[in-house]
Amino acid sequence: MKVISTDIPDVLIIEPQVYGDERGFFFESFNIRTFKEKTGLDVEFVQDNHSRSFQNVLRGLHYQIQQPQGKLVRVVVGEVFDVAVDLRESSPTFGKWVSCLLSEENKRQFWIPPGFAHGFLVLSDYADFLYKTTNYYAPQYDRTLLWNDPKVGIDWPITGEAILSEKDQVGQPLEKAEIFI
């Protein structure tokens, strides 16, 4: 497993060691001991989620203001542009974002710690997106940061119109969003 730093040091890209031949491939998608050793993070995942979305679906930018979730995300079918936005007011990277292209080909994973908003845009015809969380889903604390807030300035590689849920259409801009102290 290889760990790649991003412009926001707490957000990491994880590349697994993939073994392939004419029969196909094999890789260990998660091993807590290796994850702790390579990242220095001591986290406990409590929930696994799987979503399927179609091209131009944009989900996010989601976070829980209480019971915040760390997320380890990956794509098993298709390709997505994945984004993390730092909502920790005390952080030197507050309001900044980083992204990672996740696909079935590169098999990368993206670690997004608690205190970040998270979202993704589907680039392929469809994508199956898997993610582990460090805390349970708590709808009463669920918040949405506006996906196209010009103050955040995410450069989404969108072709056509973004397909958004009603919740994501009415996300809050950073200046009005509840944030982490």
C-alpha atoms as a PDB file:
ATOM      1  CA  MET A   1       0.000   0.000   0.000  1.00  0.00           C
ATOM      2  CA  LYS A   2       1.273   3.448  -0.934  1.00  0.00           C
ATOM      3  CA  VAL A   3       0.117   6.624   0.831  1.00  0.00           C
ATOM      4  CA  ILE A   4       0.176   9.860  -1.178  1.00  0.00           C
ATOM      5  CA  SER A   5      -0.051  13.272   0.501  1.00  0.00           C
ATOM      6  CA  THR A   6      -2.344  16.000  -0.818  1.00  0.00           C
ATOM      7  CA  ASP A   7      -2.235  19.792  -0.518  1.00  0.00           C
ATOM      8  CA  ILE A   8      -4.273  19.334   2.676  1.00  0.00           C
ATOM      9  CA  PRO A   9      -1.988  17.099   4.772  1.00  0.00           C
ATOM     10  CA  ASP A  10      -4.815  15.332   6.643  1.00  0.00           C
ATOM     11  CA  VAL A  11      -6.443  14.124   3.398  1.00  0.00           C
ATOM     12  CA  LEU A  12      -4.670  11.130   1.892  1.00  0.00           C
ATOM     13  CA  ILE A  13      -4.717   9.138  -1.331  1.00  0.00           C
ATOM     14  CA  ILE A  14      -4.219   5.409  -0.805  1.00  0.00           C
ATOM     15  CA  GLU A  15      -2.925   3.181  -3.615  1.00  0.00           C
ATOM     16  CA  PRO A  16      -3.194  -0.551  -2.993  1.00  0.00           C
ATOM     17  CA  GLN A  17      -0.669  -3.097  -4.209  1.00  0.00           C
ATOM     18  CA  VAL A  18      -2.464  -4.816  -7.113  1.00  0.00           C
ATOM     19  CA  TYR A  19      -1.448  -8.259  -8.338  1.00  0.00           C
ATOM     20  CA  GLY A  20      -2.648  -9.044 -11.844  1.00  0.00           C
ATOM     21  CA  ASP A  21      -2.155 -11.518 -14.631  1.00  0.00           C
ATOM     22  CA  GLU A  22      -4.117 -12.940 -17.553  1.00  0.00           C
ATOM     23  CA  ARG A  23      -6.757 -14.275 -15.123  1.00  0.00           C
ATOM     24  CA  GLY A  24      -7.566 -10.869 -13.637  1.00  0.00           C
ATOM     25  CA  PHE A  25      -6.345  -9.149 -10.477  1.00  0.00           C
ATOM     26  CA  PHE A  26      -6.273  -9.342  -6.694  1.00  0.00           C
ATOM     27  CA  PHE A  27      -5.656  -6.696  -4.063  1.00  0.00           C
ATOM     28  CA  GLU A  28      -6.302  -6.246  -0.387  1.00  0.00           C
ATOM     29  CA  SER A  29      -8.823  -3.409  -0.286  1.00  0.00           C
ATOM     30  CA  PHE A  30      -8.504  -2.880   3.443  1.00  0.00           C
ATOM     31  CA  ASN A  31      -6.362  -4.166   6.294  1.00  0.00           C
ATOM     32  CA  ILE A  32      -6.592  -2.227   9.561  1.00  0.00           C
ATOM     33  CA  ARG A  33      -3.059  -3.133  10.638  1.00  0.00           C
ATOM     34  CA  THR A  34      -1.514  -1.967   7.338  1.00  0.00           C
ATOM     35  CA  PHE A  35      -3.730   1.137   7.261  1.00  0.00           C
ATOM     36  CA  LYS A  36      -2.577   2.159  10.764  1.00  0.00           C
ATOM     37  CA  GLU A  37       1.063   1.398   9.998  1.00  0.00           C
ATOM     38  CA  LYS A  38       1.187   3.299   6.686  1.00  0.00           C
ATOM     39  CA  THR A  39      -1.043   6.285   7.560  1.00  0.00           C
ATOM     40  CA  GLY A  40      -0.374   6.661  11.287  1.00  0.00           C
ATOM     41  CA  LEU A  41      -4.147   6.840  11.800  1.00  0.00           C
ATOM     42  CA  ASP A  42      -5.901   4.876  14.506  1.00  0.00           C
ATOM     43  CA  VAL A  43      -9.497   4.837  13.287  1.00  0.00           C
ATOM     44  CA  GLU A  44     -12.391   2.469  13.733  1.00  0.00           C
ATOM     45  CA  PHE A  45     -14.815   2.053  10.862  1.00  0.00           C
ATOM     46  CA  VAL A  46     -18.399   1.370  11.947  1.00  0.00           C
ATOM     47  CA  GLN A  47     -20.382   1.470   8.708  1.00  0.00           C
ATOM     48  CA  ASP A  48     -19.892   0.505   5.045  1.00  0.00           C
ATOM     49  CA  ASN A  49     -21.998   2.151   2.329  1.00  0.00           C
ATOM     50  CA  HIS A  50     -22.473   1.487  -1.380  1.00  0.00           C
ATOM     51  CA  SER A  51     -24.092   3.851  -3.852  1.00  0.00           C
ATOM     52  CA  ARG A  52     -24.628   3.730  -7.601  1.00  0.00           C
ATOM     53  CA  SER A  53     -24.956   6.967  -9.526  1.00  0.00           C
ATOM     54  CA  PHE A  54     -25.151   7.870 -13.181  1.00  0.00           C
ATOM     55  CA  GLN A  55     -23.078  10.235 -15.311  1.00  0.00           C
ATOM     56  CA  ASN A  56     -23.194  13.892 -14.218  1.00  0.00           C
ATOM     57  CA  VAL A  57     -24.735  13.016 -10.854  1.00  0.00           C
ATOM     58  CA  LEU A  58     -23.094  15.228  -8.269  1.00  0.00           C
ATOM     59  CA  ARG A  59     -23.520  14.154  -4.654  1.00  0.00           C
ATOM     60  CA  GLY A  60     -22.508  16.557  -1.920  1.00  0.00           C
ATOM     61  CA  LEU A  61     -20.936  18.315  -0.378  1.00  0.00           C
ATOM     62  CA  HIS A  62     -22.057  16.435   2.749  1.00  0.00           C
ATOM     63  CA  TYR A  63     -20.915  16.415   6.361  1.00  0.00           C
ATOM     64  CA  GLN A  64     -22.293  15.837   9.859  1.00  0.00           C
ATOM     65  CA  ILE A  65     -21.868  18.807  12.185  1.00  0.00           C
ATOM     66  CA  GLN A  66     -22.118  16.488  15.206  1.00  0.00           C
ATOM     67  CA  GLN A  67     -20.976  12.869  15.123  1.00  0.00           C
ATOM     68  CA  PRO A  68     -18.614  13.835  12.263  1.00  0.00           C
ATOM     69  CA  GLN A  69     -17.530  11.029   9.984  1.00  0.00           C
ATOM     70  CA  GLY A  70     -14.140  10.161   8.627  1.00  0.00           C
ATOM     71  CA  LYS A  71     -14.564   8.428   5.262  1.00  0.00           C
ATOM     72  CA  LEU A  72     -12.436   6.015   3.282  1.00  0.00           C
ATOM     73  CA  VAL A  73     -13.920   6.068  -0.215  1.00  0.00           C
ATOM     74  CA  ARG A  74     -13.316   4.132  -3.440  1.00  0.00           C
ATOM     75  CA  VAL A  75     -14.907   3.258  -6.762  1.00  0.00           C
ATOM     76  CA  VAL A  76     -15.354  -0.349  -7.903  1.00  0.00           C
ATOM     77  CA  VAL A  77     -17.129   0.387 -11.199  1.00  0.00           C
ATOM     78  CA  GLY A  78     -16.731   3.555 -13.252  1.00  0.00           C
ATOM     79  CA  GLU A  79     -14.960   6.811 -12.458  1.00  0.00           C
ATOM     80  CA  VAL A  80     -15.616   9.786 -10.180  1.00  0.00           C
ATOM     81  CA  PHE A  81     -14.051  13.125  -9.355  1.00  0.00           C
ATOM     82  CA  ASP A  82     -13.967  13.086  -5.554  1.00  0.00           C
ATOM     83  CA  VAL A  83     -13.633  16.221  -3.395  1.00  0.00           C
ATOM     84  CA  ALA A  84     -12.927  17.070   0.239  1.00  0.00           C
ATOM     85  CA  VAL A  85     -13.408  20.604   1.642  1.00  0.00           C
ATOM     86  CA  ASP A  86     -11.824  21.580   4.964  1.00  0.00           C
ATOM     87  CA  LEU A  87     -14.498  22.970   7.318  1.00  0.00           C
ATOM     88  CA  ARG A  88     -12.287  23.155  10.406  1.00  0.00           C
ATOM     89  CA  GLU A  89     -12.180  26.856  11.256  1.00  0.00           C
ATOM     90  CA  SER A  90      -8.946  26.473  13.240  1.00  0.00           C
ATOM     91  CA  SER A  91      -7.167  24.777  10.318  1.00  0.00           C
ATOM     92  CA  PRO A  92      -4.680  26.651   8.099  1.00  0.00           C
ATOM     93  CA  THR A  93      -6.464  25.058   5.120  1.00  0.00           C
ATOM     94  CA  PHE A  94      -9.992  26.097   6.195  1.00  0.00           C
ATOM     95  CA  GLY A  95     -12.224  26.549   3.138  1.00  0.00           C
ATOM     96  CA  LYS A  96      -9.696  24.878   0.813  1.00  0.00           C
ATOM     97  CA  TRP A  97     -10.443  21.776  -1.238  1.00  0.00           C
ATOM     98  CA  VAL A  98      -8.542  18.847  -2.679  1.00  0.00           C
ATOM     99  CA  SER A  99      -9.658  16.249  -5.186  1.00  0.00           C
ATOM    100  CA  CYS A 100      -8.797  12.798  -6.415  1.00  0.00           C
ATOM    101  CA  LEU A 101      -9.844  10.834  -9.473  1.00  0.00           C
ATOM    102  CA  LEU A 102     -11.144   7.477  -8.272  1.00  0.00           C
ATOM    103  CA  SER A 103     -11.805   4.673 -10.734  1.00  0.00           C
ATOM    104  CA  GLU A 104     -12.065   0.957 -11.153  1.00  0.00           C
ATOM    105  CA  GLU A 105      -8.811   1.177 -13.129  1.00  0.00           C
ATOM    106  CA  ASN A 106      -6.628   3.016 -10.600  1.00  0.00           C
ATOM    107  CA  LYS A 107      -8.246   1.351  -7.553  1.00  0.00           C
ATOM    108  CA  ARG A 108      -7.270   4.357  -5.441  1.00  0.00           C
ATOM    109  CA  GLN A 109      -8.924   5.222  -2.157  1.00  0.00           C
ATOM    110  CA  PHE A 110      -9.352   8.665  -0.636  1.00  0.00           C
ATOM    111  CA  TRP A 111      -9.179   9.262   3.133  1.00  0.00           C
ATOM    112  CA  ILE A 112     -11.314  12.206   4.230  1.00  0.00           C
ATOM    113  CA  PRO A 113     -11.049  12.880   7.980  1.00  0.00           C
ATOM    114  CA  PRO A 114     -13.829  14.196  10.213  1.00  0.00           C
ATOM    115  CA  GLY A 115     -14.286  17.953   9.836  1.00  0.00           C
ATOM    116  CA  PHE A 116     -14.516  17.914   6.051  1.00  0.00           C
ATOM    117  CA  ALA A 117     -17.389  18.182   3.590  1.00  0.00           C
ATOM    118  CA  HIS A 118     -17.303  15.476   0.930  1.00  0.00           C
ATOM    119  CA  GLY A 119     -18.782  15.102  -2.521  1.00  0.00           C
ATOM    120  CA  PHE A 120     -18.239  13.508  -5.885  1.00  0.00           C
ATOM    121  CA  LEU A 121     -19.155  13.858  -9.548  1.00  0.00           C
ATOM    122  CA  VAL A 122     -19.673  10.776 -11.728  1.00  0.00           C
ATOM    123  CA  LEU A 123     -17.620  10.990 -14.929  1.00  0.00           C
ATOM    124  CA  SER A 124     -18.415   7.554 -16.426  1.00  0.00           C
ATOM    125  CA  ASP A 125     -21.810   6.245 -17.605  1.00  0.00           C
ATOM    126  CA  TYR A 126     -22.341   5.139 -14.005  1.00  0.00           C
ATOM    127  CA  ALA A 127     -20.239   4.423 -10.934  1.00  0.00           C
ATOM    128  CA  ASP A 128     -20.453   2.148  -7.934  1.00  0.00           C
ATOM    129  CA  PHE A 129     -19.035   4.047  -4.983  1.00  0.00           C
ATOM    130  CA  LEU A 130     -18.067   2.338  -1.699  1.00  0.00           C
ATOM    131  CA  TYR A 131     -17.140   4.018   1.526  1.00  0.00           C
ATOM    132  CA  LYS A 132     -16.373   3.201   5.123  1.00  0.00           C
ATOM    133  CA  THR A 133     -17.265   5.682   7.869  1.00  0.00           C
ATOM    134  CA  THR A 134     -15.896   6.237  11.356  1.00  0.00           C
ATOM    135  CA  ASN A 135     -19.276   7.246  12.744  1.00  0.00           C
ATOM    136  CA  TYR A 136     -22.867   6.249  12.067  1.00  0.00           C
ATOM    137  CA  TYR A 137     -25.140   8.241   9.794  1.00  0.00           C
ATOM    138  CA  ALA A 138     -27.066  10.774  11.888  1.00  0.00           C
ATOM    139  CA  PRO A 139     -29.632  12.560   9.688  1.00  0.00           C
ATOM    140  CA  GLN A 140     -30.380  15.182  12.350  1.00  0.00           C
ATOM    141  CA  TYR A 141     -26.779  16.424  12.034  1.00  0.00           C
ATOM    142  CA  ASP A 142     -26.493  16.070   8.258  1.00  0.00           C
ATOM    143  CA  ARG A 143     -25.480  19.295   6.517  1.00  0.00           C
ATOM    144  CA  THR A 144     -24.739  20.261   2.912  1.00  0.00           C
ATOM    145  CA  LEU A 145     -22.173  22.767   1.715  1.00  0.00           C
ATOM    146  CA  LEU A 146     -23.162  24.348  -1.603  1.00  0.00           C
ATOM    147  CA  TRP A 147     -21.363  22.395  -4.331  1.00  0.00           C
ATOM    148  CA  ASN A 148     -20.681  25.432  -6.531  1.00  0.00           C
ATOM    149  CA  ASP A 149     -19.950  28.081  -3.896  1.00  0.00           C
ATOM    150  CA  PRO A 150     -17.605  30.550  -5.663  1.00  0.00           C
ATOM    151  CA  LYS A 151     -15.760  31.223  -2.360  1.00  0.00           C
ATOM    152  CA  VAL A 152     -14.713  27.567  -2.250  1.00  0.00           C
ATOM    153  CA  GLY A 153     -14.149  27.491  -6.022  1.00  0.00           C
ATOM    154  CA  ILE A 154     -14.160  23.783  -6.799  1.00  0.00           C
ATOM    155  CA  ASP A 155     -13.176  23.213 -10.423  1.00  0.00           C
ATOM    156  CA  TRP A 156     -15.658  20.425 -11.205  1.00  0.00           C
ATOM    157  CA  PRO A 157     -14.855  18.720 -14.546  1.00  0.00           C
ATOM    158  CA  ILE A 158     -18.503  18.714 -15.512  1.00  0.00           C
ATOM    159  CA  THR A 159     -19.764  18.242 -19.045  1.00  0.00           C
ATOM    160  CA  GLY A 160     -23.396  19.237 -19.341  1.00  0.00           C
ATOM    161  CA  GLU A 161     -25.717  19.907 -16.427  1.00  0.00           C
ATOM    162  CA  ALA A 162     -25.063  18.578 -12.920  1.00  0.00           C
ATOM    163  CA  ILE A 163     -27.770  16.218 -11.671  1.00  0.00           C
ATOM    164  CA  LEU A 164     -28.427  17.105  -8.032  1.00  0.00           C
ATOM    165  CA  SER A 165     -30.769  15.967  -5.276  1.00  0.00           C
ATOM    166  CA  GLU A 166     -33.112  18.565  -3.835  1.00  0.00           C
ATOM    167  CA  LYS A 167     -30.976  18.633  -0.678  1.00  0.00           C
ATOM    168  CA  ASP A 168     -27.803  19.321  -2.666  1.00  0.00           C
ATOM    169  CA  GLN A 169     -29.443  22.094  -4.692  1.00  0.00           C
ATOM    170  CA  VAL A 170     -30.075  24.099  -1.516  1.00  0.00           C
ATOM    171  CA  GLY A 171     -26.711  23.586   0.212  1.00  0.00           C
ATOM    172  CA  GLN A 172     -25.321  26.466   2.248  1.00  0.00           C
ATOM    173  CA  PRO A 173     -22.448  28.654   1.021  1.00  0.00           C
ATOM    174  CA  LEU A 174     -19.348  28.525   3.217  1.00  0.00           C
ATOM    175  CA  GLU A 175     -20.064  31.927   4.811  1.00  0.00           C
ATOM    176  CA  LYS A 176     -23.444  30.634   6.116  1.00  0.00           C
ATOM    177  CA  ALA A 177     -22.547  26.966   6.723  1.00  0.00           C
ATOM    178  CA  GLU A 178     -22.176  25.447  10.137  1.00  0.00           C
ATOM    179  CA  ILE A 179     -18.490  24.688  10.544  1.00  0.00           C
ATOM    180  CA  PHE A 180     -16.149  22.885  12.950  1.00  0.00           C
ATOM    181  CA  ILE A 181     -14.303  24.984  15.514  1.00  0.00           C
END
